Amino acid sequence: MEPSDYLNPAEEKMEMAVAYLDESLAHIRAGKANPKILDAIRVDYYGSASPISNVANISVPDARTITITPWEKSMFKEIEKAIINSDLGITPENNGEIIRISIPPLTEERRRSLVKQSKAEAENAKVSVRNARRDAIEGLKKAVKQGMSEDVEKDAEVSVQKLHDKYLKKIDELFAAKEKEILTV
């Protein structure tokens, strides 16, 4: 048994936790127009549920507007219906050529709740990183019983802790950036 047999999977899990957090934070609306808020919305396209980006061109002409240009005229109603039925809480405007979504400015109360939501996502990511560290250390302790030297195990534990600290720092940086984005008026 090599220490890398435990370190590599732990680092992979930590990396996945950070990537998941990054993706989760991207979907939290921060008062600025971001096409990622539409990623979770599905439209019926010839019998299958497809993301809006698969049936239309999505663009952000300014900080408060998202425009959607469907590739087929028949998709206007479907896209509009999907946006209205989603949990976005925004009513789209349709002028027959494009669908426009105006992102309203956030209230102070809404900003605080979004920061709280972001913090919860960051905490979940931290828990995942800590679990990966715990699993790696438990694996190393078992490896000692199977013949790995204690010195190698202690060095590997130090490496796992360094990985843990590195990924927690990344999580804190991602959260701080999102918090700043949400609180910027």
N, C-alpha and C. Protein backbone atom coordinates (compact mmCIF):
# COMPACT_ATOMS: atom_id res chain seq x y z
N MET A 1 0.83 -1.19 0.00
CA MET A 1 0.00 0.00 0.00
C MET A 1 0.88 1.25 0.00
N GLU A 2 0.55 2.15 -0.89
CA GLU A 2 1.26 3.43 -0.99
C GLU A 2 0.38 4.54 -0.40
N PRO A 3 1.00 5.56 0.18
CA PRO A 3 0.20 6.69 0.68
C PRO A 3 -0.63 7.35 -0.43
N SER A 4 -0.11 7.34 -1.65
CA SER A 4 -0.84 7.96 -2.77
C SER A 4 -2.17 7.24 -3.06
N ASP A 5 -2.27 5.96 -2.64
CA ASP A 5 -3.52 5.23 -2.81
C ASP A 5 -4.65 5.87 -1.99
N TYR A 6 -4.27 6.62 -0.96
CA TYR A 6 -5.26 7.30 -0.12
C TYR A 6 -5.32 8.79 -0.42
N LEU A 7 -4.18 9.37 -0.76
CA LEU A 7 -4.12 10.82 -1.02
C LEU A 7 -4.83 11.20 -2.31
N ASN A 8 -4.62 10.43 -3.38
CA ASN A 8 -5.22 10.78 -4.67
C ASN A 8 -6.75 10.78 -4.66
N PRO A 9 -7.39 9.71 -4.12
CA PRO A 9 -8.86 9.76 -4.06
C PRO A 9 -9.37 10.90 -3.17
N ALA A 10 -8.64 11.18 -2.09
CA ALA A 10 -9.06 12.27 -1.19
C ALA A 10 -9.00 13.60 -1.92
N GLU A 11 -7.90 13.82 -2.66
CA GLU A 11 -7.76 15.08 -3.39
C GLU A 11 -8.84 15.19 -4.47
N GLU A 12 -9.14 14.06 -5.11
CA GLU A 12 -10.18 14.05 -6.14
C GLU A 12 -11.54 14.44 -5.55
N LYS A 13 -11.87 13.88 -4.38
CA LYS A 13 -13.14 14.21 -3.72
C LYS A 13 -13.17 15.68 -3.32
N MET A 14 -12.05 16.19 -2.83
CA MET A 14 -11.98 17.59 -2.43
C MET A 14 -12.16 18.51 -3.64
N GLU A 15 -11.52 18.14 -4.73
CA GLU A 15 -11.63 18.92 -5.98
C GLU A 15 -13.07 18.93 -6.46
N MET A 16 -13.73 17.76 -6.38
CA MET A 16 -15.13 17.67 -6.82
C MET A 16 -16.03 18.53 -5.93
N ALA A 17 -15.74 18.59 -4.64
CA ALA A 17 -16.54 19.40 -3.71
C ALA A 17 -16.43 20.88 -4.09
N VAL A 18 -15.22 21.32 -4.42
CA VAL A 18 -15.00 22.72 -4.80
C VAL A 18 -15.68 23.01 -6.14
N ALA A 19 -15.58 22.09 -7.09
CA ALA A 19 -16.22 22.28 -8.40
C ALA A 19 -17.73 22.34 -8.25
N TYR A 20 -18.29 21.49 -7.39
CA TYR A 20 -19.73 21.49 -7.16
C TYR A 20 -20.16 22.80 -6.52
N LEU A 21 -19.37 23.30 -5.57
CA LEU A 21 -19.68 24.57 -4.92
C LEU A 21 -19.67 25.70 -5.95
N ASP A 22 -18.67 25.69 -6.80
CA ASP A 22 -18.56 26.73 -7.83
C ASP A 22 -19.80 26.74 -8.72
N GLU A 23 -20.24 25.55 -9.11
CA GLU A 23 -21.43 25.41 -9.94
C GLU A 23 -22.68 25.87 -9.19
N SER A 24 -22.79 25.48 -7.92
CA SER A 24 -23.96 25.86 -7.11
C SER A 24 -24.03 27.37 -6.94
N LEU A 25 -22.90 27.99 -6.68
CA LEU A 25 -22.89 29.44 -6.47
C LEU A 25 -23.22 30.18 -7.77
N ALA A 26 -22.86 29.61 -8.89
CA ALA A 26 -23.15 30.25 -10.18
C ALA A 26 -24.66 30.32 -10.43
N HIS A 27 -25.40 29.39 -9.85
CA HIS A 27 -26.85 29.37 -10.06
C HIS A 27 -27.61 30.28 -9.09
N ILE A 28 -26.90 30.84 -8.14
CA ILE A 28 -27.56 31.75 -7.20
C ILE A 28 -27.57 33.14 -7.82
N ARG A 29 -28.77 33.68 -7.99
CA ARG A 29 -28.95 34.98 -8.66
C ARG A 29 -28.43 36.09 -7.76
N ALA A 30 -27.52 36.88 -8.30
CA ALA A 30 -26.89 37.93 -7.49
C ALA A 30 -27.26 39.33 -7.96
N GLY A 31 -28.41 39.49 -8.61
CA GLY A 31 -28.82 40.82 -9.05
C GLY A 31 -28.27 41.20 -10.41
N LYS A 32 -27.30 40.44 -10.89
CA LYS A 32 -26.75 40.69 -12.22
C LYS A 32 -27.30 39.60 -13.15
N ALA A 33 -27.42 39.95 -14.42
CA ALA A 33 -27.90 38.96 -15.39
C ALA A 33 -26.82 37.91 -15.60
N ASN A 34 -27.17 36.66 -15.40
CA ASN A 34 -26.24 35.56 -15.58
C ASN A 34 -27.01 34.43 -16.28
N PRO A 35 -26.60 34.04 -17.49
CA PRO A 35 -27.36 33.00 -18.20
C PRO A 35 -27.41 31.66 -17.47
N LYS A 36 -26.51 31.42 -16.50
CA LYS A 36 -26.52 30.15 -15.77
C LYS A 36 -27.79 29.95 -14.95
N ILE A 37 -28.49 31.05 -14.62
CA ILE A 37 -29.72 30.87 -13.83
C ILE A 37 -30.79 30.14 -14.64
N LEU A 38 -30.61 30.05 -15.96
CA LEU A 38 -31.58 29.35 -16.82
C LEU A 38 -31.22 27.88 -17.01
N ASP A 39 -30.04 27.45 -16.54
CA ASP A 39 -29.57 26.08 -16.78
C ASP A 39 -30.53 25.01 -16.27
N ALA A 40 -31.17 25.26 -15.15
CA ALA A 40 -32.04 24.23 -14.56
C ALA A 40 -33.41 24.17 -15.22
N ILE A 41 -33.74 25.17 -16.03
CA ILE A 41 -35.08 25.21 -16.65
C ILE A 41 -35.09 24.34 -17.91
N ARG A 42 -36.07 23.46 -18.00
CA ARG A 42 -36.20 22.55 -19.14
C ARG A 42 -37.45 22.91 -19.93
N VAL A 43 -37.35 22.77 -21.26
CA VAL A 43 -38.51 22.99 -22.12
C VAL A 43 -38.81 21.71 -22.89
N ASP A 44 -40.09 21.54 -23.24
CA ASP A 44 -40.49 20.36 -24.00
C ASP A 44 -40.11 20.61 -25.47
N TYR A 45 -39.17 19.84 -25.97
CA TYR A 45 -38.72 19.98 -27.36
C TYR A 45 -38.91 18.65 -28.06
N TYR A 46 -39.97 18.55 -28.85
CA TYR A 46 -40.32 17.32 -29.56
C TYR A 46 -40.34 16.11 -28.62
N GLY A 47 -41.00 16.28 -27.48
CA GLY A 47 -41.20 15.16 -26.57
C GLY A 47 -40.11 14.93 -25.55
N SER A 48 -39.01 15.66 -25.61
CA SER A 48 -37.98 15.46 -24.58
C SER A 48 -37.69 16.78 -23.87
N ALA A 49 -37.34 16.68 -22.60
CA ALA A 49 -37.05 17.88 -21.80
C ALA A 49 -35.62 18.32 -22.10
N SER A 50 -35.48 19.50 -22.68
CA SER A 50 -34.17 20.02 -23.06
C SER A 50 -33.89 21.34 -22.35
N PRO A 51 -32.61 21.62 -22.05
CA PRO A 51 -32.29 22.93 -21.48
C PRO A 51 -32.57 24.02 -22.52
N ILE A 52 -32.88 25.21 -22.04
CA ILE A 52 -33.17 26.32 -22.96
C ILE A 52 -32.00 26.57 -23.91
N SER A 53 -30.79 26.40 -23.42
CA SER A 53 -29.61 26.67 -24.25
C SER A 53 -29.51 25.72 -25.45
N ASN A 54 -30.25 24.58 -25.41
CA ASN A 54 -30.24 23.65 -26.53
C ASN A 54 -31.25 24.00 -27.62
N VAL A 55 -32.19 24.93 -27.31
CA VAL A 55 -33.22 25.27 -28.29
C VAL A 55 -33.22 26.75 -28.64
N ALA A 56 -32.32 27.52 -28.02
CA ALA A 56 -32.30 28.96 -28.27
C ALA A 56 -30.92 29.53 -28.01
N ASN A 57 -30.71 30.72 -28.53
CA ASN A 57 -29.48 31.45 -28.27
C ASN A 57 -29.73 32.35 -27.06
N ILE A 58 -28.87 32.26 -26.06
CA ILE A 58 -29.02 33.07 -24.84
C ILE A 58 -27.88 34.08 -24.80
N SER A 59 -28.24 35.35 -24.59
CA SER A 59 -27.19 36.37 -24.49
C SER A 59 -27.52 37.36 -23.38
N VAL A 60 -26.50 38.10 -22.96
CA VAL A 60 -26.64 39.09 -21.89
C VAL A 60 -26.19 40.44 -22.44
N PRO A 61 -27.14 41.23 -22.99
CA PRO A 61 -26.76 42.51 -23.59
C PRO A 61 -26.32 43.56 -22.58
N ASP A 62 -26.85 43.49 -21.34
CA ASP A 62 -26.40 44.41 -20.30
C ASP A 62 -26.52 43.72 -18.94
N ALA A 63 -26.13 44.40 -17.89
CA ALA A 63 -26.05 43.80 -16.56
C ALA A 63 -27.39 43.37 -15.97
N ARG A 64 -28.50 43.86 -16.51
CA ARG A 64 -29.81 43.55 -15.94
C ARG A 64 -30.74 42.80 -16.90
N THR A 65 -30.24 42.39 -18.06
CA THR A 65 -31.12 41.77 -19.06
C THR A 65 -30.51 40.49 -19.63
N ILE A 66 -31.37 39.49 -19.80
CA ILE A 66 -31.00 38.26 -20.52
C ILE A 66 -31.94 38.18 -21.71
N THR A 67 -31.40 37.97 -22.90
CA THR A 67 -32.27 37.79 -24.07
C THR A 67 -32.16 36.35 -24.56
N ILE A 68 -33.29 35.82 -24.97
CA ILE A 68 -33.36 34.46 -25.48
C ILE A 68 -33.95 34.53 -26.88
N THR A 69 -33.22 34.03 -27.86
CA THR A 69 -33.69 34.01 -29.24
C THR A 69 -33.90 32.55 -29.65
N PRO A 70 -35.16 32.06 -29.63
CA PRO A 70 -35.41 30.67 -30.02
C PRO A 70 -35.06 30.42 -31.49
N TRP A 71 -34.58 29.23 -31.77
CA TRP A 71 -34.21 28.88 -33.13
C TRP A 71 -35.45 28.58 -33.97
N GLU A 72 -36.55 28.21 -33.31
CA GLU A 72 -37.80 27.93 -34.03
C GLU A 72 -38.91 28.77 -33.41
N LYS A 73 -39.77 29.33 -34.26
CA LYS A 73 -40.88 30.16 -33.78
C LYS A 73 -41.78 29.41 -32.80
N SER A 74 -41.93 28.11 -33.04
CA SER A 74 -42.83 27.32 -32.20
C SER A 74 -42.34 27.21 -30.75
N MET A 75 -41.09 27.54 -30.50
CA MET A 75 -40.53 27.40 -29.16
C MET A 75 -40.80 28.59 -28.25
N PHE A 76 -41.28 29.72 -28.81
CA PHE A 76 -41.53 30.91 -27.99
C PHE A 76 -42.41 30.60 -26.79
N LYS A 77 -43.59 30.01 -27.08
CA LYS A 77 -44.57 29.72 -26.02
C LYS A 77 -43.99 28.72 -25.00
N GLU A 78 -43.30 27.69 -25.50
CA GLU A 78 -42.72 26.66 -24.62
C GLU A 78 -41.71 27.28 -23.65
N ILE A 79 -40.81 28.11 -24.19
CA ILE A 79 -39.77 28.73 -23.36
C ILE A 79 -40.41 29.67 -22.34
N GLU A 80 -41.35 30.48 -22.81
CA GLU A 80 -42.04 31.41 -21.91
C GLU A 80 -42.73 30.65 -20.77
N LYS A 81 -43.44 29.59 -21.13
CA LYS A 81 -44.17 28.80 -20.14
C LYS A 81 -43.19 28.18 -19.12
N ALA A 82 -42.07 27.67 -19.61
CA ALA A 82 -41.07 27.04 -18.73
C ALA A 82 -40.49 28.06 -17.75
N ILE A 83 -40.22 29.27 -18.22
CA ILE A 83 -39.65 30.31 -17.34
C ILE A 83 -40.68 30.74 -16.30
N ILE A 84 -41.92 30.91 -16.72
CA ILE A 84 -42.98 31.33 -15.79
C ILE A 84 -43.20 30.25 -14.72
N ASN A 85 -43.17 28.98 -15.12
CA ASN A 85 -43.40 27.87 -14.18
C ASN A 85 -42.19 27.54 -13.32
N SER A 86 -41.03 28.10 -13.64
CA SER A 86 -39.82 27.81 -12.87
C SER A 86 -39.85 28.58 -11.55
N ASP A 87 -38.85 28.30 -10.69
CA ASP A 87 -38.79 29.01 -9.40
C ASP A 87 -37.96 30.29 -9.50
N LEU A 88 -37.76 30.77 -10.71
CA LEU A 88 -36.98 32.00 -10.93
C LEU A 88 -37.69 33.23 -10.40
N GLY A 89 -39.01 33.24 -10.51
CA GLY A 89 -39.79 34.35 -9.99
C GLY A 89 -39.72 35.59 -10.87
N ILE A 90 -39.47 35.39 -12.16
CA ILE A 90 -39.38 36.51 -13.10
C ILE A 90 -40.30 36.23 -14.28
N THR A 91 -41.05 37.23 -14.71
CA THR A 91 -41.92 37.07 -15.86
C THR A 91 -41.20 37.57 -17.10
N PRO A 92 -41.10 36.72 -18.13
CA PRO A 92 -40.41 37.14 -19.36
C PRO A 92 -41.28 38.03 -20.23
N GLU A 93 -40.63 38.85 -21.06
CA GLU A 93 -41.35 39.69 -22.03
C GLU A 93 -41.06 39.10 -23.41
N ASN A 94 -42.10 39.00 -24.25
CA ASN A 94 -41.95 38.42 -25.57
C ASN A 94 -42.44 39.43 -26.61
N ASN A 95 -41.56 39.80 -27.56
CA ASN A 95 -42.00 40.74 -28.59
C ASN A 95 -42.14 40.05 -29.95
N GLY A 96 -42.15 38.72 -29.97
CA GLY A 96 -42.30 37.98 -31.22
C GLY A 96 -40.97 37.65 -31.88
N GLU A 97 -39.92 38.40 -31.54
CA GLU A 97 -38.58 38.16 -32.11
C GLU A 97 -37.67 37.54 -31.05
N ILE A 98 -37.70 38.12 -29.85
CA ILE A 98 -36.87 37.61 -28.76
C ILE A 98 -37.68 37.61 -27.46
N ILE A 99 -37.20 36.80 -26.52
CA ILE A 99 -37.78 36.79 -25.18
C ILE A 99 -36.77 37.52 -24.31
N ARG A 100 -37.26 38.53 -23.59
CA ARG A 100 -36.37 39.33 -22.75
C ARG A 100 -36.72 39.09 -21.29
N ILE A 101 -35.68 38.85 -20.48
CA ILE A 101 -35.87 38.69 -19.04
C ILE A 101 -35.13 39.84 -18.36
N SER A 102 -35.87 40.69 -17.66
CA SER A 102 -35.26 41.79 -16.92
C SER A 102 -35.03 41.34 -15.49
N ILE A 103 -33.80 41.42 -15.04
CA ILE A 103 -33.46 41.01 -13.69
C ILE A 103 -33.68 42.20 -12.76
N PRO A 104 -34.64 42.10 -11.83
CA PRO A 104 -34.89 43.23 -10.93
C PRO A 104 -33.77 43.36 -9.90
N PRO A 105 -33.54 44.58 -9.42
CA PRO A 105 -32.53 44.74 -8.36
C PRO A 105 -33.00 44.03 -7.10
N LEU A 106 -32.05 43.54 -6.32
CA LEU A 106 -32.39 42.78 -5.12
C LEU A 106 -32.63 43.70 -3.93
N THR A 107 -33.58 43.31 -3.09
CA THR A 107 -33.81 44.06 -1.85
C THR A 107 -32.72 43.65 -0.86
N GLU A 108 -32.53 44.46 0.18
CA GLU A 108 -31.52 44.16 1.19
C GLU A 108 -31.80 42.82 1.87
N GLU A 109 -33.10 42.57 2.14
CA GLU A 109 -33.49 41.31 2.78
C GLU A 109 -33.16 40.11 1.87
N ARG A 110 -33.45 40.25 0.58
CA ARG A 110 -33.16 39.18 -0.37
C ARG A 110 -31.66 38.94 -0.48
N ARG A 111 -30.89 40.03 -0.46
CA ARG A 111 -29.42 39.90 -0.51
C ARG A 111 -28.92 39.07 0.69
N ARG A 112 -29.45 39.40 1.88
CA ARG A 112 -29.03 38.67 3.07
C ARG A 112 -29.39 37.19 2.96
N SER A 113 -30.58 36.90 2.44
CA SER A 113 -30.98 35.49 2.33
C SER A 113 -30.12 34.76 1.29
N LEU A 114 -29.72 35.46 0.22
CA LEU A 114 -28.84 34.83 -0.78
C LEU A 114 -27.45 34.58 -0.20
N VAL A 115 -26.96 35.50 0.63
CA VAL A 115 -25.66 35.29 1.28
C VAL A 115 -25.75 34.08 2.20
N LYS A 116 -26.88 33.97 2.92
CA LYS A 116 -27.09 32.83 3.82
C LYS A 116 -27.11 31.52 3.02
N GLN A 117 -27.79 31.54 1.88
CA GLN A 117 -27.86 30.35 1.01
C GLN A 117 -26.46 29.99 0.50
N SER A 118 -25.69 31.00 0.10
CA SER A 118 -24.33 30.77 -0.38
C SER A 118 -23.46 30.19 0.72
N LYS A 119 -23.63 30.72 1.94
CA LYS A 119 -22.85 30.24 3.07
C LYS A 119 -23.17 28.78 3.35
N ALA A 120 -24.45 28.41 3.24
CA ALA A 120 -24.85 27.01 3.46
C ALA A 120 -24.20 26.10 2.41
N GLU A 121 -24.17 26.57 1.15
CA GLU A 121 -23.52 25.78 0.09
C GLU A 121 -22.02 25.61 0.40
N ALA A 122 -21.39 26.69 0.88
CA ALA A 122 -19.96 26.63 1.21
C ALA A 122 -19.73 25.66 2.37
N GLU A 123 -20.62 25.68 3.36
CA GLU A 123 -20.49 24.76 4.49
C GLU A 123 -20.62 23.31 4.05
N ASN A 124 -21.56 23.05 3.12
CA ASN A 124 -21.71 21.68 2.59
C ASN A 124 -20.42 21.22 1.91
N ALA A 125 -19.80 22.13 1.16
CA ALA A 125 -18.55 21.79 0.48
C ALA A 125 -17.45 21.52 1.50
N LYS A 126 -17.41 22.32 2.57
CA LYS A 126 -16.40 22.10 3.62
C LYS A 126 -16.59 20.73 4.29
N VAL A 127 -17.85 20.37 4.51
CA VAL A 127 -18.14 19.06 5.11
C VAL A 127 -17.63 17.95 4.20
N SER A 128 -17.83 18.10 2.90
CA SER A 128 -17.36 17.09 1.94
C SER A 128 -15.83 16.97 1.99
N VAL A 129 -15.16 18.12 2.07
CA VAL A 129 -13.69 18.11 2.14
C VAL A 129 -13.23 17.43 3.43
N ARG A 130 -13.90 17.75 4.54
CA ARG A 130 -13.53 17.13 5.82
C ARG A 130 -13.78 15.62 5.79
N ASN A 131 -14.87 15.21 5.15
CA ASN A 131 -15.15 13.77 5.03
C ASN A 131 -14.08 13.07 4.21
N ALA A 132 -13.62 13.71 3.15
CA ALA A 132 -12.57 13.13 2.31
C ALA A 132 -11.29 12.98 3.13
N ARG A 133 -10.99 14.01 3.95
CA ARG A 133 -9.79 13.94 4.82
C ARG A 133 -9.94 12.79 5.81
N ARG A 134 -11.10 12.69 6.45
CA ARG A 134 -11.33 11.64 7.44
C ARG A 134 -11.18 10.25 6.80
N ASP A 135 -11.77 10.06 5.60
CA ASP A 135 -11.68 8.77 4.92
C ASP A 135 -10.22 8.42 4.60
N ALA A 136 -9.45 9.41 4.16
CA ALA A 136 -8.05 9.15 3.82
C ALA A 136 -7.27 8.77 5.08
N ILE A 137 -7.49 9.48 6.18
CA ILE A 137 -6.76 9.19 7.42
C ILE A 137 -7.14 7.82 7.96
N GLU A 138 -8.43 7.48 7.90
CA GLU A 138 -8.86 6.14 8.34
C GLU A 138 -8.21 5.05 7.49
N GLY A 139 -8.14 5.29 6.18
CA GLY A 139 -7.50 4.33 5.28
C GLY A 139 -6.03 4.17 5.61
N LEU A 140 -5.36 5.28 5.92
CA LEU A 140 -3.93 5.22 6.28
C LEU A 140 -3.73 4.44 7.58
N LYS A 141 -4.61 4.64 8.54
CA LYS A 141 -4.49 3.92 9.82
C LYS A 141 -4.67 2.41 9.61
N LYS A 142 -5.59 2.04 8.71
CA LYS A 142 -5.77 0.62 8.40
C LYS A 142 -4.54 0.07 7.70
N ALA A 143 -3.93 0.92 6.84
CA ALA A 143 -2.75 0.48 6.10
C ALA A 143 -1.59 0.20 7.05
N VAL A 144 -1.51 0.93 8.18
CA VAL A 144 -0.46 0.68 9.17
C VAL A 144 -0.63 -0.72 9.74
N LYS A 145 -1.88 -1.11 9.99
CA LYS A 145 -2.16 -2.46 10.51
C LYS A 145 -1.79 -3.54 9.48
N GLN A 146 -1.80 -3.13 8.20
CA GLN A 146 -1.47 -4.08 7.12
C GLN A 146 0.00 -4.01 6.73
N GLY A 147 0.80 -3.26 7.49
CA GLY A 147 2.24 -3.28 7.22
C GLY A 147 2.88 -1.98 6.80
N MET A 148 2.13 -0.91 6.61
CA MET A 148 2.75 0.37 6.25
C MET A 148 3.46 0.92 7.49
N SER A 149 4.62 1.52 7.29
CA SER A 149 5.35 2.04 8.45
C SER A 149 4.64 3.26 9.01
N GLU A 150 4.77 3.46 10.33
CA GLU A 150 4.07 4.57 10.98
C GLU A 150 4.61 5.92 10.54
N ASP A 151 5.91 5.98 10.22
CA ASP A 151 6.50 7.25 9.75
C ASP A 151 5.87 7.67 8.42
N VAL A 152 5.71 6.71 7.52
CA VAL A 152 5.11 6.99 6.22
C VAL A 152 3.66 7.44 6.43
N GLU A 153 2.96 6.77 7.34
CA GLU A 153 1.56 7.11 7.63
C GLU A 153 1.46 8.52 8.19
N LYS A 154 2.35 8.89 9.12
CA LYS A 154 2.32 10.24 9.71
C LYS A 154 2.59 11.30 8.64
N ASP A 155 3.57 11.04 7.77
CA ASP A 155 3.88 11.99 6.69
C ASP A 155 2.67 12.14 5.76
N ALA A 156 2.01 11.02 5.46
CA ALA A 156 0.84 11.05 4.58
C ALA A 156 -0.30 11.82 5.25
N GLU A 157 -0.44 11.66 6.59
CA GLU A 157 -1.48 12.40 7.31
C GLU A 157 -1.24 13.90 7.21
N VAL A 158 0.03 14.30 7.32
CA VAL A 158 0.39 15.71 7.19
C VAL A 158 0.03 16.21 5.78
N SER A 159 0.28 15.38 4.78
CA SER A 159 -0.06 15.75 3.39
C SER A 159 -1.57 15.90 3.21
N VAL A 160 -2.33 14.98 3.81
CA VAL A 160 -3.79 15.05 3.74
C VAL A 160 -4.28 16.35 4.39
N GLN A 161 -3.67 16.70 5.54
CA GLN A 161 -4.06 17.92 6.23
C GLN A 161 -3.76 19.15 5.37
N LYS A 162 -2.61 19.14 4.67
CA LYS A 162 -2.26 20.26 3.79
C LYS A 162 -3.26 20.38 2.64
N LEU A 163 -3.65 19.24 2.07
CA LEU A 163 -4.67 19.23 1.01
C LEU A 163 -5.97 19.82 1.55
N HIS A 164 -6.36 19.36 2.73
CA HIS A 164 -7.59 19.82 3.39
C HIS A 164 -7.56 21.34 3.53
N ASP A 165 -6.45 21.86 4.06
CA ASP A 165 -6.34 23.31 4.27
C ASP A 165 -6.39 24.07 2.96
N LYS A 166 -5.74 23.52 1.93
CA LYS A 166 -5.71 24.17 0.62
C LYS A 166 -7.14 24.29 0.04
N TYR A 167 -7.90 23.21 0.13
CA TYR A 167 -9.26 23.21 -0.44
C TYR A 167 -10.23 24.04 0.40
N LEU A 168 -10.04 24.06 1.72
CA LEU A 168 -10.90 24.92 2.55
C LEU A 168 -10.65 26.39 2.21
N LYS A 169 -9.39 26.72 1.92
CA LYS A 169 -9.05 28.10 1.55
C LYS A 169 -9.73 28.45 0.22
N LYS A 170 -9.74 27.50 -0.73
CA LYS A 170 -10.41 27.73 -2.02
C LYS A 170 -11.91 27.97 -1.81
N ILE A 171 -12.51 27.17 -0.93
CA ILE A 171 -13.94 27.31 -0.64
C ILE A 171 -14.22 28.69 -0.05
N ASP A 172 -13.38 29.09 0.90
CA ASP A 172 -13.57 30.41 1.53
C ASP A 172 -13.44 31.53 0.49
N GLU A 173 -12.48 31.38 -0.44
CA GLU A 173 -12.31 32.39 -1.49
C GLU A 173 -13.52 32.46 -2.42
N LEU A 174 -14.05 31.29 -2.80
CA LEU A 174 -15.24 31.26 -3.66
C LEU A 174 -16.43 31.93 -2.96
N PHE A 175 -16.61 31.59 -1.67
CA PHE A 175 -17.73 32.18 -0.92
C PHE A 175 -17.55 33.69 -0.78
N ALA A 176 -16.34 34.12 -0.47
CA ALA A 176 -16.09 35.56 -0.30
C ALA A 176 -16.39 36.31 -1.59
N ALA A 177 -16.01 35.74 -2.72
CA ALA A 177 -16.26 36.38 -4.02
C ALA A 177 -17.76 36.47 -4.29
N LYS A 178 -18.48 35.39 -3.99
CA LYS A 178 -19.93 35.38 -4.23
C LYS A 178 -20.62 36.35 -3.27
N GLU A 179 -20.18 36.38 -2.02
CA GLU A 179 -20.78 37.30 -1.05
C GLU A 179 -20.59 38.75 -1.50
N LYS A 180 -19.39 39.05 -1.99
CA LYS A 180 -19.11 40.42 -2.47
C LYS A 180 -20.02 40.75 -3.67
N GLU A 181 -20.16 39.75 -4.58
CA GLU A 181 -21.01 39.95 -5.77
C GLU A 181 -22.46 40.22 -5.37
N ILE A 182 -22.96 39.44 -4.38
CA ILE A 182 -24.36 39.60 -3.94
C ILE A 182 -24.56 40.95 -3.25
N LEU A 183 -23.62 41.34 -2.41
CA LEU A 183 -23.80 42.55 -1.61
C LEU A 183 -23.47 43.84 -2.37
N THR A 184 -22.84 43.72 -3.56
CA THR A 184 -22.55 44.91 -4.36
C THR A 184 -23.85 45.42 -4.98
N VAL A 185 -24.19 46.63 -4.68
CA VAL A 185 -25.46 47.20 -5.18
C VAL A 185 -25.22 47.85 -6.52
